[in-house]
Amino acid sequence: KKRTIQAQVVDRARILLYKADGMTFQQIADKLAISTATVRLCISKFQKGGLDAALFDVQRPGRPSEITDDAKAWMIHIACQRPTELGYAQELWTLTSLHKYIQKHAEEAGYPRLSTVTKPYIQKFLKEQDMKPFKIKYYCEKRDPDFESKMHEVLLVYKQIEMQFDENGDLIVPDDYKLTITVSYDEKPGIQAISNTVPDLRPTSEHGEVYRDAEYKRLGTLSLLAGIDLLTGEAIPLVSETHKSSDFIEFLKILDKKYPSQDTIRIILDNHSAHTSKETRRFLD
């Protein structure tokens, strides 16, 4: 439709230009493959209302909307509610379920016109309101009131690390040889430890792959505590059966033993309770 309107405007502009060049109505009609009535109407509009009147059609008011603003507000209210609060098992609306609910309950809510509303209308209406009650978009809630300042500190640390290298990517060693070591640390608890039930079958002349039995034995779970030295990229792992303050302290001992005593060790980590427990603080003190 948009392209059709644009073509109409172009044709009308050509009519005016050809008429200004002295062409007759019939000549213009033949050249543009349109009727002389169309040419005559365009020229008449130009003479009565000017250029805009000749090029563009006057917008007509159209038929007033049958659905009131209150009814639309009620539809938005329903779309914003959880289906589970209205007796449905599903967590999110589908267009079909939302349409059925609106039709079923519209009359008792005082909006009888919506009892016959169509699914395409609801889809179009939600799009106009920029509402997508059928989709989930994830975000990270800021539960820590000091989140912004802590985030700033972490970003500043990464910027400081960048400044510890020269333009060639080589580490700048201070004159006193005292480095600030930065370790990015995290834990992965509950890793399933498994083993084979029988030994693997090695490749043979009949099959070139290693064959492994699909069955396996569960050996419990383990926790991985690991850090990455952000200056060297080296991974520093610790595998433990538990995930407690004592395990974190054991990791700190590994770092303390690994680096020279004159170096400063800085750790980037989350706010897990094991990192700030009384046991951990006693060790650090």
C-alpha atoms as a PDB file:
ATOM      1  CA  LYS A   1       0.000   0.000   0.000  1.00  0.00           C
ATOM      2  CA  LYS A   2       2.855   2.361   0.843  1.00  0.00           C
ATOM      3  CA  ARG A   3       4.467   1.744  -2.559  1.00  0.00           C
ATOM      4  CA  THR A   4       1.080   2.363  -4.269  1.00  0.00           C
ATOM      5  CA  ILE A   5       0.711   5.727  -2.526  1.00  0.00           C
ATOM      6  CA  GLN A   6       4.255   6.691  -3.507  1.00  0.00           C
ATOM      7  CA  ALA A   7       3.521   5.758  -7.152  1.00  0.00           C
ATOM      8  CA  GLN A   8       0.356   7.876  -7.092  1.00  0.00           C
ATOM      9  CA  VAL A   9       2.300  10.894  -5.858  1.00  0.00           C
ATOM     10  CA  VAL A  10       4.898  10.426  -8.618  1.00  0.00           C
ATOM     11  CA  ASP A  11       2.190  10.163 -11.307  1.00  0.00           C
ATOM     12  CA  ARG A  12       0.420  13.259 -10.025  1.00  0.00           C
ATOM     13  CA  ALA A  13       3.664  15.221  -9.992  1.00  0.00           C
ATOM     14  CA  ARG A  14       4.300  14.168 -13.600  1.00  0.00           C
ATOM     15  CA  ILE A  15       0.788  15.276 -14.570  1.00  0.00           C
ATOM     16  CA  LEU A  16       1.508  18.758 -13.220  1.00  0.00           C
ATOM     17  CA  LEU A  17       4.909  18.921 -14.930  1.00  0.00           C
ATOM     18  CA  TYR A  18       3.554  17.736 -18.287  1.00  0.00           C
ATOM     19  CA  LYS A  19       0.682  20.215 -18.056  1.00  0.00           C
ATOM     20  CA  ALA A  20       3.150  22.997 -17.308  1.00  0.00           C
ATOM     21  CA  ASP A  21       5.006  21.982 -20.491  1.00  0.00           C
ATOM     22  CA  GLY A  22       1.798  22.567 -22.481  1.00  0.00           C
ATOM     23  CA  MET A  23       0.645  19.001 -23.044  1.00  0.00           C
ATOM     24  CA  THR A  24      -3.092  18.309 -23.395  1.00  0.00           C
ATOM     25  CA  PHE A  25      -5.101  16.098 -21.027  1.00  0.00           C
ATOM     26  CA  GLN A  26      -5.211  13.334 -23.642  1.00  0.00           C
ATOM     27  CA  GLN A  27      -1.451  13.504 -24.303  1.00  0.00           C
ATOM     28  CA  ILE A  28      -0.716  13.263 -20.571  1.00  0.00           C
ATOM     29  CA  ALA A  29      -3.155  10.360 -20.171  1.00  0.00           C
ATOM     30  CA  ASP A  30      -1.573   8.461 -23.067  1.00  0.00           C
ATOM     31  CA  LYS A  31       1.959   9.059 -21.792  1.00  0.00           C
ATOM     32  CA  LEU A  32       1.190   7.857 -18.254  1.00  0.00           C
ATOM     33  CA  ALA A  33      -1.315   5.143 -19.318  1.00  0.00           C
ATOM     34  CA  ILE A  34      -4.078   6.610 -17.169  1.00  0.00           C
ATOM     35  CA  SER A  35      -7.535   8.010 -17.895  1.00  0.00           C
ATOM     36  CA  THR A  36      -8.163  11.632 -18.861  1.00  0.00           C
ATOM     37  CA  ALA A  37     -10.521  11.843 -15.863  1.00  0.00           C
ATOM     38  CA  THR A  38      -7.571  11.204 -13.540  1.00  0.00           C
ATOM     39  CA  VAL A  39      -5.567  13.932 -15.260  1.00  0.00           C
ATOM     40  CA  ARG A  40      -8.489  16.363 -15.093  1.00  0.00           C
ATOM     41  CA  LEU A  41      -9.067  15.658 -11.375  1.00  0.00           C
ATOM     42  CA  CYS A  42      -5.400  16.227 -10.489  1.00  0.00           C
ATOM     43  CA  ILE A  43      -5.297  19.556 -12.343  1.00  0.00           C
ATOM     44  CA  SER A  44      -8.574  20.620 -10.723  1.00  0.00           C
ATOM     45  CA  LYS A  45      -7.256  19.869  -7.227  1.00  0.00           C
ATOM     46  CA  PHE A  46      -4.105  21.866  -7.991  1.00  0.00           C
ATOM     47  CA  GLN A  47      -6.119  24.862  -9.156  1.00  0.00           C
ATOM     48  CA  LYS A  48      -8.379  24.784  -6.078  1.00  0.00           C
ATOM     49  CA  GLY A  49      -6.029  23.777  -3.298  1.00  0.00           C
ATOM     50  CA  GLY A  50      -2.455  24.076  -4.484  1.00  0.00           C
ATOM     51  CA  LEU A  51       0.382  21.560  -4.765  1.00  0.00           C
ATOM     52  CA  ASP A  52      -0.328  19.507  -1.622  1.00  0.00           C
ATOM     53  CA  ALA A  53      -3.991  19.131  -2.550  1.00  0.00           C
ATOM     54  CA  ALA A  54      -3.011  17.810  -5.976  1.00  0.00           C
ATOM     55  CA  LEU A  55      -0.342  15.372  -4.760  1.00  0.00           C
ATOM     56  CA  PHE A  56      -1.883  13.982  -1.562  1.00  0.00           C
ATOM     57  CA  ASP A  57      -5.345  12.690  -0.707  1.00  0.00           C
ATOM     58  CA  VAL A  58      -7.180  14.237   2.237  1.00  0.00           C
ATOM     59  CA  GLN A  59      -7.213  11.853   5.208  1.00  0.00           C
ATOM     60  CA  ARG A  60     -10.712  10.661   5.985  1.00  0.00           C
ATOM     61  CA  PRO A  61     -11.826  10.258   9.596  1.00  0.00           C
ATOM     62  CA  GLY A  62     -12.833   6.607   9.176  1.00  0.00           C
ATOM     63  CA  ARG A  63     -15.123   4.524  11.334  1.00  0.00           C
ATOM     64  CA  PRO A  64     -14.871   5.155  15.094  1.00  0.00           C
ATOM     65  CA  SER A  65     -13.438   2.316  17.177  1.00  0.00           C
ATOM     66  CA  GLU A  66     -16.020  -0.016  18.681  1.00  0.00           C
ATOM     67  CA  ILE A  67     -13.690  -1.010  21.525  1.00  0.00           C
ATOM     68  CA  THR A  68     -13.523   1.601  24.265  1.00  0.00           C
ATOM     69  CA  ASP A  69     -10.399   2.750  26.072  1.00  0.00           C
ATOM     70  CA  ASP A  70     -11.680   1.089  29.257  1.00  0.00           C
ATOM     71  CA  ALA A  71     -11.991  -2.225  27.411  1.00  0.00           C
ATOM     72  CA  LYS A  72      -8.461  -1.875  26.076  1.00  0.00           C
ATOM     73  CA  ALA A  73      -7.188  -1.091  29.575  1.00  0.00           C
ATOM     74  CA  TRP A  74      -8.881  -4.269  30.838  1.00  0.00           C
ATOM     75  CA  MET A  75      -7.171  -6.338  28.129  1.00  0.00           C
ATOM     76  CA  ILE A  76      -3.800  -4.884  29.173  1.00  0.00           C
ATOM     77  CA  HIS A  77      -4.628  -5.691  32.807  1.00  0.00           C
ATOM     78  CA  ILE A  78      -5.355  -9.326  31.932  1.00  0.00           C
ATOM     79  CA  ALA A  79      -2.253  -9.665  29.730  1.00  0.00           C
ATOM     80  CA  CYS A  80      -0.073  -8.394  32.598  1.00  0.00           C
ATOM     81  CA  GLN A  81      -1.358 -11.005  35.052  1.00  0.00           C
ATOM     82  CA  ARG A  82       0.071 -14.476  35.472  1.00  0.00           C
ATOM     83  CA  PRO A  83      -2.221 -17.164  34.053  1.00  0.00           C
ATOM     84  CA  THR A  84      -1.661 -19.158  37.265  1.00  0.00           C
ATOM     85  CA  GLU A  85      -3.418 -16.368  39.195  1.00  0.00           C
ATOM     86  CA  LEU A  86      -6.477 -16.838  36.989  1.00  0.00           C
ATOM     87  CA  GLY A  87      -6.773 -20.607  37.308  1.00  0.00           C
ATOM     88  CA  TYR A  88      -4.452 -21.750  34.520  1.00  0.00           C
ATOM     89  CA  ALA A  89      -1.592 -24.220  34.988  1.00  0.00           C
ATOM     90  CA  GLN A  90       0.712 -22.459  32.557  1.00  0.00           C
ATOM     91  CA  GLU A  91       3.152 -19.776  33.670  1.00  0.00           C
ATOM     92  CA  LEU A  92       2.892 -17.618  30.543  1.00  0.00           C
ATOM     93  CA  TRP A  93       0.041 -16.650  28.263  1.00  0.00           C
ATOM     94  CA  THR A  94      -0.183 -17.929  24.741  1.00  0.00           C
ATOM     95  CA  LEU A  95      -2.090 -15.854  22.214  1.00  0.00           C
ATOM     96  CA  THR A  96      -4.742 -18.587  22.061  1.00  0.00           C
ATOM     97  CA  SER A  97      -5.231 -18.851  25.831  1.00  0.00           C
ATOM     98  CA  LEU A  98      -5.298 -15.064  26.271  1.00  0.00           C
ATOM     99  CA  HIS A  99      -7.849 -14.735  23.456  1.00  0.00           C
ATOM    100  CA  LYS A 100     -10.085 -17.412  24.970  1.00  0.00           C
ATOM    101  CA  TYR A 101      -9.912 -15.865  28.443  1.00  0.00           C
ATOM    102  CA  ILE A 102     -10.814 -12.392  27.159  1.00  0.00           C
ATOM    103  CA  GLN A 103     -13.749 -13.731  25.156  1.00  0.00           C
ATOM    104  CA  LYS A 104     -15.020 -15.858  28.052  1.00  0.00           C
ATOM    105  CA  HIS A 105     -14.835 -13.213  30.786  1.00  0.00           C
ATOM    106  CA  ALA A 106     -15.401  -9.988  28.830  1.00  0.00           C
ATOM    107  CA  GLU A 107     -19.152  -9.782  29.445  1.00  0.00           C
ATOM    108  CA  GLU A 108     -18.946 -10.333  33.202  1.00  0.00           C
ATOM    109  CA  ALA A 109     -16.176  -7.708  33.338  1.00  0.00           C
ATOM    110  CA  GLY A 110     -18.499  -5.208  31.673  1.00  0.00           C
ATOM    111  CA  TYR A 111     -17.054  -5.252  28.157  1.00  0.00           C
ATOM    112  CA  PRO A 112     -19.471  -7.348  26.048  1.00  0.00           C
ATOM    113  CA  ARG A 113     -17.899  -6.159  22.788  1.00  0.00           C
ATOM    114  CA  LEU A 114     -14.739  -8.110  23.651  1.00  0.00           C
ATOM    115  CA  SER A 115     -16.667 -11.391  23.780  1.00  0.00           C
ATOM    116  CA  THR A 116     -16.426 -11.471  19.986  1.00  0.00           C
ATOM    117  CA  VAL A 117     -12.985  -9.912  19.611  1.00  0.00           C
ATOM    118  CA  THR A 118     -10.731 -11.774  17.168  1.00  0.00           C
ATOM    119  CA  LYS A 119      -7.328 -13.272  17.831  1.00  0.00           C
ATOM    120  CA  PRO A 120      -5.633 -11.141  15.110  1.00  0.00           C
ATOM    121  CA  TYR A 121      -7.026  -8.002  16.766  1.00  0.00           C
ATOM    122  CA  ILE A 122      -5.523  -8.960  20.132  1.00  0.00           C
ATOM    123  CA  GLN A 123      -2.207  -9.756  18.458  1.00  0.00           C
ATOM    124  CA  LYS A 124      -2.216  -6.373  16.694  1.00  0.00           C
ATOM    125  CA  PHE A 125      -3.290  -4.566  19.870  1.00  0.00           C
ATOM    126  CA  LEU A 126      -0.475  -6.099  21.945  1.00  0.00           C
ATOM    127  CA  LYS A 127       2.028  -5.179  19.246  1.00  0.00           C
ATOM    128  CA  GLU A 128       0.808  -1.576  19.310  1.00  0.00           C
ATOM    129  CA  GLN A 129       1.292  -1.534  23.086  1.00  0.00           C
ATOM    130  CA  ASP A 130       4.748  -3.134  22.709  1.00  0.00           C
ATOM    131  CA  MET A 131       3.640  -5.972  24.992  1.00  0.00           C
ATOM    132  CA  LYS A 132       4.977  -9.528  24.728  1.00  0.00           C
ATOM    133  CA  PRO A 133       3.399 -11.522  27.582  1.00  0.00           C
ATOM    134  CA  PHE A 134       4.365 -14.737  25.742  1.00  0.00           C
ATOM    135  CA  LYS A 135       8.134 -14.134  26.087  1.00  0.00           C
ATOM    136  CA  ILE A 136      10.628 -14.221  28.941  1.00  0.00           C
ATOM    137  CA  LYS A 137      13.568 -11.831  28.973  1.00  0.00           C
ATOM    138  CA  TYR A 138      16.205 -12.509  31.606  1.00  0.00           C
ATOM    139  CA  TYR A 139      17.906  -9.886  33.734  1.00  0.00           C
ATOM    140  CA  CYS A 140      20.212  -9.822  36.736  1.00  0.00           C
ATOM    141  CA  GLU A 141      18.510  -8.331  39.792  1.00  0.00           C
ATOM    142  CA  LYS A 142      20.713  -5.999  41.825  1.00  0.00           C
ATOM    143  CA  ARG A 143      20.145  -7.343  45.333  1.00  0.00           C
ATOM    144  CA  ASP A 144      23.315  -5.754  46.704  1.00  0.00           C
ATOM    145  CA  PRO A 145      22.813  -2.026  47.479  1.00  0.00           C
ATOM    146  CA  ASP A 146      26.551  -1.514  46.903  1.00  0.00           C
ATOM    147  CA  PHE A 147      26.495  -3.268  43.527  1.00  0.00           C
ATOM    148  CA  GLU A 148      27.344  -0.154  41.486  1.00  0.00           C
ATOM    149  CA  SER A 149      30.410   0.771  43.543  1.00  0.00           C
ATOM    150  CA  LYS A 150      31.639  -2.838  43.622  1.00  0.00           C
ATOM    151  CA  MET A 151      31.188  -3.155  39.866  1.00  0.00           C
ATOM    152  CA  HIS A 152      33.190   0.055  39.416  1.00  0.00           C
ATOM    153  CA  GLU A 153      36.009  -1.389  41.544  1.00  0.00           C
ATOM    154  CA  VAL A 154      36.115  -4.617  39.522  1.00  0.00           C
ATOM    155  CA  LEU A 155      36.209  -2.743  36.202  1.00  0.00           C
ATOM    156  CA  LEU A 156      38.948  -0.511  37.581  1.00  0.00           C
ATOM    157  CA  VAL A 157      40.982  -3.597  38.521  1.00  0.00           C
ATOM    158  CA  TYR A 158      40.771  -4.909  34.944  1.00  0.00           C
ATOM    159  CA  LYS A 159      41.872  -1.519  33.647  1.00  0.00           C
ATOM    160  CA  GLN A 160      44.847  -1.563  36.022  1.00  0.00           C
ATOM    161  CA  ILE A 161      45.798  -5.008  34.716  1.00  0.00           C
ATOM    162  CA  GLU A 162      45.814  -3.650  31.178  1.00  0.00           C
ATOM    163  CA  MET A 163      48.195  -0.889  32.301  1.00  0.00           C
ATOM    164  CA  GLN A 164      50.665  -3.493  33.607  1.00  0.00           C
ATOM    165  CA  PHE A 165      51.595  -4.365  30.009  1.00  0.00           C
ATOM    166  CA  ASP A 166      53.504  -2.268  27.492  1.00  0.00           C
ATOM    167  CA  GLU A 167      52.382  -1.587  23.931  1.00  0.00           C
ATOM    168  CA  ASN A 168      54.034  -4.829  22.778  1.00  0.00           C
ATOM    169  CA  GLY A 169      52.049  -6.890  25.284  1.00  0.00           C
ATOM    170  CA  ASP A 170      55.024  -7.524  27.580  1.00  0.00           C
ATOM    171  CA  LEU A 171      54.602  -7.370  31.347  1.00  0.00           C
ATOM    172  CA  ILE A 172      56.117  -4.265  32.933  1.00  0.00           C
ATOM    173  CA  VAL A 173      58.143  -5.407  35.953  1.00  0.00           C
ATOM    174  CA  PRO A 174      58.560  -2.703  38.642  1.00  0.00           C
ATOM    175  CA  ASP A 175      62.057  -1.679  39.697  1.00  0.00           C
ATOM    176  CA  ASP A 176      61.528  -3.225  43.122  1.00  0.00           C
ATOM    177  CA  TYR A 177      60.213  -6.442  41.493  1.00  0.00           C
ATOM    178  CA  LYS A 178      57.049  -6.265  43.602  1.00  0.00           C
ATOM    179  CA  LEU A 179      54.115  -7.318  41.441  1.00  0.00           C
ATOM    180  CA  THR A 180      50.396  -7.078  42.095  1.00  0.00           C
ATOM    181  CA  ILE A 181      49.008 -10.495  41.185  1.00  0.00           C
ATOM    182  CA  THR A 182      45.313 -10.508  40.263  1.00  0.00           C
ATOM    183  CA  VAL A 183      43.415 -13.795  40.373  1.00  0.00           C
ATOM    184  CA  SER A 184      39.842 -14.169  39.105  1.00  0.00           C
ATOM    185  CA  TYR A 185      38.273 -16.882  41.259  1.00  0.00           C
ATOM    186  CA  ASP A 186      35.085 -18.963  41.237  1.00  0.00           C
ATOM    187  CA  GLU A 187      33.746 -22.323  42.364  1.00  0.00           C
ATOM    188  CA  LYS A 188      31.750 -25.059  40.650  1.00  0.00           C
ATOM    189  CA  PRO A 189      30.175 -27.354  43.276  1.00  0.00           C
ATOM    190  CA  GLY A 190      28.260 -30.567  42.662  1.00  0.00           C
ATOM    191  CA  ILE A 191      30.269 -31.915  39.730  1.00  0.00           C
ATOM    192  CA  GLN A 192      29.287 -35.545  39.122  1.00  0.00           C
ATOM    193  CA  ALA A 193      32.283 -37.895  39.352  1.00  0.00           C
ATOM    194  CA  ILE A 194      31.852 -41.039  37.235  1.00  0.00           C
ATOM    195  CA  SER A 195      33.943 -43.975  36.068  1.00  0.00           C
ATOM    196  CA  ASN A 196      33.652 -46.762  33.500  1.00  0.00           C
ATOM    197  CA  THR A 197      32.103 -50.070  34.488  1.00  0.00           C
ATOM    198  CA  VAL A 198      34.515 -52.002  32.235  1.00  0.00           C
ATOM    199  CA  PRO A 199      37.762 -51.046  30.457  1.00  0.00           C
ATOM    200  CA  ASP A 200      37.540 -49.367  27.047  1.00  0.00           C
ATOM    201  CA  LEU A 201      37.981 -51.499  23.930  1.00  0.00           C
ATOM    202  CA  ARG A 202      40.951 -50.260  21.927  1.00  0.00           C
ATOM    203  CA  PRO A 203      40.853 -49.751  18.129  1.00  0.00           C
ATOM    204  CA  THR A 204      41.258 -52.914  16.055  1.00  0.00           C
ATOM    205  CA  SER A 205      41.395 -53.841  12.386  1.00  0.00           C
ATOM    206  CA  GLU A 206      37.615 -54.260  12.479  1.00  0.00           C
ATOM    207  CA  HIS A 207      36.774 -50.915  14.068  1.00  0.00           C
ATOM    208  CA  GLY A 208      38.993 -47.868  14.247  1.00  0.00           C
ATOM    209  CA  GLU A 209      37.346 -46.175  17.222  1.00  0.00           C
ATOM    210  CA  VAL A 210      37.694 -46.587  20.962  1.00  0.00           C
ATOM    211  CA  TYR A 211      34.574 -48.387  22.238  1.00  0.00           C
ATOM    212  CA  ARG A 212      33.255 -47.421  25.680  1.00  0.00           C
ATOM    213  CA  ASP A 213      30.388 -49.002  27.576  1.00  0.00           C
ATOM    214  CA  ALA A 214      27.429 -46.619  27.793  1.00  0.00           C
ATOM    215  CA  GLU A 215      26.882 -47.596  31.437  1.00  0.00           C
ATOM    216  CA  TYR A 216      28.932 -45.866  34.131  1.00  0.00           C
ATOM    217  CA  LYS A 217      29.383 -45.817  37.910  1.00  0.00           C
ATOM    218  CA  ARG A 218      28.556 -42.757  40.002  1.00  0.00           C
ATOM    219  CA  LEU A 219      31.286 -41.880  42.473  1.00  0.00           C
ATOM    220  CA  GLY A 220      29.578 -38.981  44.202  1.00  0.00           C
ATOM    221  CA  THR A 221      30.136 -35.287  43.603  1.00  0.00           C
ATOM    222  CA  LEU A 222      33.159 -33.019  43.762  1.00  0.00           C
ATOM    223  CA  SER A 223      33.722 -29.276  43.859  1.00  0.00           C
ATOM    224  CA  LEU A 224      36.145 -27.383  41.649  1.00  0.00           C
ATOM    225  CA  LEU A 225      37.704 -24.260  43.129  1.00  0.00           C
ATOM    226  CA  ALA A 226      39.728 -22.449  40.502  1.00  0.00           C
ATOM    227  CA  GLY A 227      41.389 -19.155  39.775  1.00  0.00           C
ATOM    228  CA  ILE A 228      42.979 -17.611  36.695  1.00  0.00           C
ATOM    229  CA  ASP A 229      46.074 -15.459  36.995  1.00  0.00           C
ATOM    230  CA  LEU A 230      45.070 -12.474  34.872  1.00  0.00           C
ATOM    231  CA  LEU A 231      48.695 -11.547  34.191  1.00  0.00           C
ATOM    232  CA  THR A 232      49.786 -14.933  32.858  1.00  0.00           C
ATOM    233  CA  GLY A 233      46.511 -16.683  32.010  1.00  0.00           C
ATOM    234  CA  GLU A 234      47.508 -19.660  34.159  1.00  0.00           C
ATOM    235  CA  ALA A 235      44.666 -21.681  35.698  1.00  0.00           C
ATOM    236  CA  ILE A 236      45.075 -22.584  39.367  1.00  0.00           C
ATOM    237  CA  PRO A 237      42.733 -25.489  40.299  1.00  0.00           C
ATOM    238  CA  LEU A 238      41.755 -27.186  43.530  1.00  0.00           C
ATOM    239  CA  VAL A 239      39.442 -30.223  43.553  1.00  0.00           C
ATOM    240  CA  SER A 240      37.666 -30.887  46.828  1.00  0.00           C
ATOM    241  CA  GLU A 241      34.896 -33.119  48.122  1.00  0.00           C
ATOM    242  CA  THR A 242      33.270 -30.166  49.883  1.00  0.00           C
ATOM    243  CA  HIS A 243      32.719 -26.482  49.317  1.00  0.00           C
ATOM    244  CA  LYS A 244      33.343 -24.862  52.693  1.00  0.00           C
ATOM    245  CA  SER A 245      35.443 -22.140  54.274  1.00  0.00           C
ATOM    246  CA  SER A 246      38.194 -24.662  54.943  1.00  0.00           C
ATOM    247  CA  ASP A 247      38.353 -25.468  51.218  1.00  0.00           C
ATOM    248  CA  PHE A 248      38.606 -21.786  50.308  1.00  0.00           C
ATOM    249  CA  ILE A 249      41.359 -21.349  52.879  1.00  0.00           C
ATOM    250  CA  GLU A 250      43.197 -24.291  51.301  1.00  0.00           C
ATOM    251  CA  PHE A 251      43.024 -22.469  47.956  1.00  0.00           C
ATOM    252  CA  LEU A 252      44.398 -19.299  49.574  1.00  0.00           C
ATOM    253  CA  LYS A 253      47.312 -21.342  50.929  1.00  0.00           C
ATOM    254  CA  ILE A 254      48.047 -22.568  47.384  1.00  0.00           C
ATOM    255  CA  LEU A 255      48.214 -18.954  46.182  1.00  0.00           C
ATOM    256  CA  ASP A 256      50.377 -17.905  49.119  1.00  0.00           C
ATOM    257  CA  LYS A 257      52.834 -20.705  48.411  1.00  0.00           C
ATOM    258  CA  LYS A 258      52.848 -20.107  44.653  1.00  0.00           C
ATOM    259  CA  TYR A 259      53.857 -16.433  44.554  1.00  0.00           C
ATOM    260  CA  PRO A 260      56.897 -14.635  46.044  1.00  0.00           C
ATOM    261  CA  SER A 261      56.340 -13.125  49.477  1.00  0.00           C
ATOM    262  CA  GLN A 262      56.954  -9.560  48.234  1.00  0.00           C
ATOM    263  CA  ASP A 263      54.070  -9.774  45.727  1.00  0.00           C
ATOM    264  CA  THR A 264      50.568  -8.548  46.535  1.00  0.00           C
ATOM    265  CA  ILE A 265      47.803 -11.041  45.728  1.00  0.00           C
ATOM    266  CA  ARG A 266      44.464  -9.540  44.773  1.00  0.00           C
ATOM    267  CA  ILE A 267      41.431 -11.812  44.241  1.00  0.00           C
ATOM    268  CA  ILE A 268      38.245 -11.046  42.310  1.00  0.00           C
ATOM    269  CA  LEU A 269      35.395 -13.204  43.656  1.00  0.00           C
ATOM    270  CA  ASP A 270      31.695 -13.222  44.504  1.00  0.00           C
ATOM    271  CA  ASN A 271      30.089 -12.755  47.919  1.00  0.00           C
ATOM    272  CA  HIS A 272      29.756 -16.431  48.878  1.00  0.00           C
ATOM    273  CA  SER A 273      29.619 -16.862  52.646  1.00  0.00           C
ATOM    274  CA  ALA A 274      32.797 -18.995  52.664  1.00  0.00           C
ATOM    275  CA  HIS A 275      34.800 -16.007  51.422  1.00  0.00           C
ATOM    276  CA  THR A 276      33.913 -13.794  54.396  1.00  0.00           C
ATOM    277  CA  SER A 277      33.307 -16.323  57.172  1.00  0.00           C
ATOM    278  CA  LYS A 278      34.900 -15.998  60.610  1.00  0.00           C
ATOM    279  CA  GLU A 279      37.166 -18.947  59.796  1.00  0.00           C
ATOM    280  CA  THR A 280      38.398 -17.272  56.608  1.00  0.00           C
ATOM    281  CA  ARG A 281      38.902 -13.926  58.350  1.00  0.00           C
ATOM    282  CA  ARG A 282      40.940 -15.573  61.115  1.00  0.00           C
ATOM    283  CA  PHE A 283      43.230 -17.105  58.496  1.00  0.00           C
ATOM    284  CA  LEU A 284      43.697 -13.782  56.700  1.00  0.00           C
ATOM    285  CA  ASP A 285      44.392 -11.942  59.945  1.00  0.00           C
END
